[in-house]
Amino acid sequence: MSTIAIEGMEFFAYHGCFKEERVIGTKFSIDLFLKVHTNEAEKSDKLEDTVNYQAVYQLVKEEMESKSNLLEHVGRRILESIREAFPQIDSAKIKIRKLNPPLGGKMDFVSLELDY
């Protein structure tokens, strides 16, 4: 079993409960950790024998373009899309960071971790 990590994906999106967040938008950072058997790819050196990182990134990008109120909702949509598109993945973990959230004070980010 291997872990494929795609870390530091950055997106500008319009997620949030406040009207301003859904109009102005903000930056998000996503880390994704995928548990998958890579034995075949280790031997064959063929992309079709593993998970295509670019295809995963495109899926995450598409989900980030669809507005949600909560990070929980965004994260679950991403994980469900990954599960459907890549059944060979045994489990996945996502960490979503909302950078500079409008919470009334200075902070780097708020984050959420989900898995399946």
C-alpha atoms as a PDB file:
ATOM      1  CA  MET A   1       0.000   0.000   0.000  1.00  0.00           C
ATOM      2  CA  SER A   2       1.309   3.424  -0.935  1.00  0.00           C
ATOM      3  CA  THR A   3       0.299   6.980  -0.152  1.00  0.00           C
ATOM      4  CA  ILE A   4       0.062   9.374  -3.059  1.00  0.00           C
ATOM      5  CA  ALA A   5       0.197  12.933  -1.724  1.00  0.00           C
ATOM      6  CA  ILE A   6      -0.861  15.959  -3.739  1.00  0.00           C
ATOM      7  CA  GLU A   7      -0.095  18.896  -1.485  1.00  0.00           C
ATOM      8  CA  GLY A   8      -0.401  22.651  -1.663  1.00  0.00           C
ATOM      9  CA  MET A   9      -3.015  22.860  -4.406  1.00  0.00           C
ATOM     10  CA  GLU A  10      -4.144  26.480  -4.476  1.00  0.00           C
ATOM     11  CA  PHE A  11      -7.504  27.773  -5.605  1.00  0.00           C
ATOM     12  CA  PHE A  12      -9.404  31.040  -5.538  1.00  0.00           C
ATOM     13  CA  ALA A  13     -13.023  30.215  -4.736  1.00  0.00           C
ATOM     14  CA  TYR A  14     -16.259  31.572  -3.327  1.00  0.00           C
ATOM     15  CA  HIS A  15     -17.079  29.327  -0.354  1.00  0.00           C
ATOM     16  CA  GLY A  16     -18.434  30.717   2.890  1.00  0.00           C
ATOM     17  CA  CYS A  17     -21.504  31.547   4.933  1.00  0.00           C
ATOM     18  CA  PHE A  18     -21.096  35.310   4.645  1.00  0.00           C
ATOM     19  CA  LYS A  19     -22.469  37.063   1.564  1.00  0.00           C
ATOM     20  CA  GLU A  20     -19.156  38.898   1.101  1.00  0.00           C
ATOM     21  CA  GLU A  21     -17.228  35.612   0.902  1.00  0.00           C
ATOM     22  CA  ARG A  22     -19.509  34.378  -1.852  1.00  0.00           C
ATOM     23  CA  VAL A  23     -19.023  37.617  -3.815  1.00  0.00           C
ATOM     24  CA  ILE A  24     -15.401  38.599  -3.142  1.00  0.00           C
ATOM     25  CA  GLY A  25     -13.935  35.106  -2.740  1.00  0.00           C
ATOM     26  CA  THR A  26     -10.712  34.048  -1.079  1.00  0.00           C
ATOM     27  CA  LYS A  27      -7.768  31.676  -1.447  1.00  0.00           C
ATOM     28  CA  PHE A  28      -7.850  28.038  -0.410  1.00  0.00           C
ATOM     29  CA  SER A  29      -5.091  25.454  -0.084  1.00  0.00           C
ATOM     30  CA  ILE A  30      -5.762  21.721  -0.338  1.00  0.00           C
ATOM     31  CA  ASP A  31      -3.681  18.689   0.573  1.00  0.00           C
ATOM     32  CA  LEU A  32      -4.846  15.276  -0.545  1.00  0.00           C
ATOM     33  CA  PHE A  33      -3.519  11.896   0.606  1.00  0.00           C
ATOM     34  CA  LEU A  34      -4.588   8.802  -1.331  1.00  0.00           C
ATOM     35  CA  LYS A  35      -3.978   5.231  -0.155  1.00  0.00           C
ATOM     36  CA  VAL A  36      -3.638   2.944  -3.148  1.00  0.00           C
ATOM     37  CA  HIS A  37      -1.874  -0.246  -4.181  1.00  0.00           C
ATOM     38  CA  THR A  38       0.910   0.752  -6.581  1.00  0.00           C
ATOM     39  CA  ASN A  39       2.518  -2.676  -7.003  1.00  0.00           C
ATOM     40  CA  GLU A  40       1.617  -2.938 -10.685  1.00  0.00           C
ATOM     41  CA  ALA A  41       2.848   0.574 -11.534  1.00  0.00           C
ATOM     42  CA  GLU A  42       6.085  -0.060  -9.638  1.00  0.00           C
ATOM     43  CA  LYS A  43       6.795  -2.910 -12.043  1.00  0.00           C
ATOM     44  CA  SER A  44       5.259  -1.654 -15.294  1.00  0.00           C
ATOM     45  CA  ASP A  45       6.174   2.062 -15.178  1.00  0.00           C
ATOM     46  CA  LYS A  46       2.801   2.764 -16.864  1.00  0.00           C
ATOM     47  CA  LEU A  47       0.471   5.604 -15.898  1.00  0.00           C
ATOM     48  CA  GLU A  48      -2.619   3.470 -16.439  1.00  0.00           C
ATOM     49  CA  ASP A  49      -1.457   1.201 -13.585  1.00  0.00           C
ATOM     50  CA  THR A  50      -1.721   3.943 -10.971  1.00  0.00           C
ATOM     51  CA  VAL A  51      -3.735   7.055 -10.147  1.00  0.00           C
ATOM     52  CA  ASN A  52      -3.262   9.911 -12.601  1.00  0.00           C
ATOM     53  CA  TYR A  53      -2.344  12.952 -10.474  1.00  0.00           C
ATOM     54  CA  GLN A  54      -3.448  15.389 -13.162  1.00  0.00           C
ATOM     55  CA  ALA A  55      -6.903  13.796 -13.351  1.00  0.00           C
ATOM     56  CA  VAL A  56      -7.232  14.039  -9.565  1.00  0.00           C
ATOM     57  CA  TYR A  57      -6.206  17.707  -9.647  1.00  0.00           C
ATOM     58  CA  GLN A  58      -8.784  18.462 -12.359  1.00  0.00           C
ATOM     59  CA  LEU A  59     -11.504  16.801 -10.313  1.00  0.00           C
ATOM     60  CA  VAL A  60     -10.587  18.868  -7.226  1.00  0.00           C
ATOM     61  CA  LYS A  61     -10.521  22.027  -9.358  1.00  0.00           C
ATOM     62  CA  GLU A  62     -14.001  21.329 -10.723  1.00  0.00           C
ATOM     63  CA  GLU A  63     -15.419  20.800  -7.228  1.00  0.00           C
ATOM     64  CA  MET A  64     -13.771  23.983  -5.951  1.00  0.00           C
ATOM     65  CA  GLU A  65     -15.554  25.953  -8.689  1.00  0.00           C
ATOM     66  CA  SER A  66     -18.950  24.991  -7.244  1.00  0.00           C
ATOM     67  CA  LYS A  67     -19.900  27.306  -4.336  1.00  0.00           C
ATOM     68  CA  SER A  68     -20.627  25.919  -0.873  1.00  0.00           C
ATOM     69  CA  ASN A  69     -21.350  27.519   2.477  1.00  0.00           C
ATOM     70  CA  LEU A  70     -19.166  25.140   4.485  1.00  0.00           C
ATOM     71  CA  LEU A  71     -15.707  23.613   4.125  1.00  0.00           C
ATOM     72  CA  GLU A  72     -17.294  20.380   5.344  1.00  0.00           C
ATOM     73  CA  HIS A  73     -19.535  20.320   2.279  1.00  0.00           C
ATOM     74  CA  VAL A  74     -16.703  21.130  -0.145  1.00  0.00           C
ATOM     75  CA  GLY A  75     -14.486  18.454   1.381  1.00  0.00           C
ATOM     76  CA  ARG A  76     -17.143  15.763   1.283  1.00  0.00           C
ATOM     77  CA  ARG A  77     -18.004  16.575  -2.356  1.00  0.00           C
ATOM     78  CA  ILE A  78     -14.341  16.276  -3.322  1.00  0.00           C
ATOM     79  CA  LEU A  79     -13.905  12.963  -1.499  1.00  0.00           C
ATOM     80  CA  GLU A  80     -17.094  11.503  -2.988  1.00  0.00           C
ATOM     81  CA  SER A  81     -16.023  12.562  -6.484  1.00  0.00           C
ATOM     82  CA  ILE A  82     -12.627  10.939  -5.971  1.00  0.00           C
ATOM     83  CA  ARG A  83     -14.234   7.740  -4.680  1.00  0.00           C
ATOM     84  CA  GLU A  84     -16.505   7.576  -7.732  1.00  0.00           C
ATOM     85  CA  ALA A  85     -13.819   8.411 -10.321  1.00  0.00           C
ATOM     86  CA  PHE A  86     -11.012   6.294  -8.840  1.00  0.00           C
ATOM     87  CA  PRO A  87     -12.395   3.097  -7.291  1.00  0.00           C
ATOM     88  CA  GLN A  88      -8.856   1.692  -6.988  1.00  0.00           C
ATOM     89  CA  ILE A  89      -8.177   4.169  -4.139  1.00  0.00           C
ATOM     90  CA  ASP A  90      -8.670   2.369  -0.817  1.00  0.00           C
ATOM     91  CA  SER A  91      -8.941   5.525   1.293  1.00  0.00           C
ATOM     92  CA  ALA A  92      -8.416   9.256   1.001  1.00  0.00           C
ATOM     93  CA  LYS A  93      -7.785  12.153   3.360  1.00  0.00           C
ATOM     94  CA  ILE A  94      -8.230  15.820   2.512  1.00  0.00           C
ATOM     95  CA  LYS A  95      -7.140  18.956   4.343  1.00  0.00           C
ATOM     96  CA  ILE A  96      -8.720  22.198   3.191  1.00  0.00           C
ATOM     97  CA  ARG A  97      -7.356  25.531   4.413  1.00  0.00           C
ATOM     98  CA  LYS A  98      -9.280  28.767   3.998  1.00  0.00           C
ATOM     99  CA  LEU A  99      -6.613  31.468   3.974  1.00  0.00           C
ATOM    100  CA  ASN A 100      -7.171  34.770   5.813  1.00  0.00           C
ATOM    101  CA  PRO A 101     -10.752  33.991   6.882  1.00  0.00           C
ATOM    102  CA  PRO A 102     -12.968  36.952   7.833  1.00  0.00           C
ATOM    103  CA  LEU A 103     -13.390  36.103  11.520  1.00  0.00           C
ATOM    104  CA  GLY A 104     -12.757  39.511  13.040  1.00  0.00           C
ATOM    105  CA  GLY A 105      -9.025  39.163  13.642  1.00  0.00           C
ATOM    106  CA  LYS A 106      -5.752  38.271  11.974  1.00  0.00           C
ATOM    107  CA  MET A 107      -5.073  34.597  11.351  1.00  0.00           C
ATOM    108  CA  ASP A 108      -3.346  32.598   8.668  1.00  0.00           C
ATOM    109  CA  PHE A 109      -6.126  30.085   8.008  1.00  0.00           C
ATOM    110  CA  VAL A 110      -8.851  27.830   9.293  1.00  0.00           C
ATOM    111  CA  SER A 111      -8.780  24.219   8.183  1.00  0.00           C
ATOM    112  CA  LEU A 112     -10.774  21.039   8.010  1.00  0.00           C
ATOM    113  CA  GLU A 113      -9.652  17.440   7.605  1.00  0.00           C
ATOM    114  CA  LEU A 114     -11.953  14.710   6.298  1.00  0.00           C
ATOM    115  CA  ASP A 115     -11.367  11.163   5.147  1.00  0.00           C
ATOM    116  CA  TYR A 116     -13.004   8.005   3.874  1.00  0.00           C
END
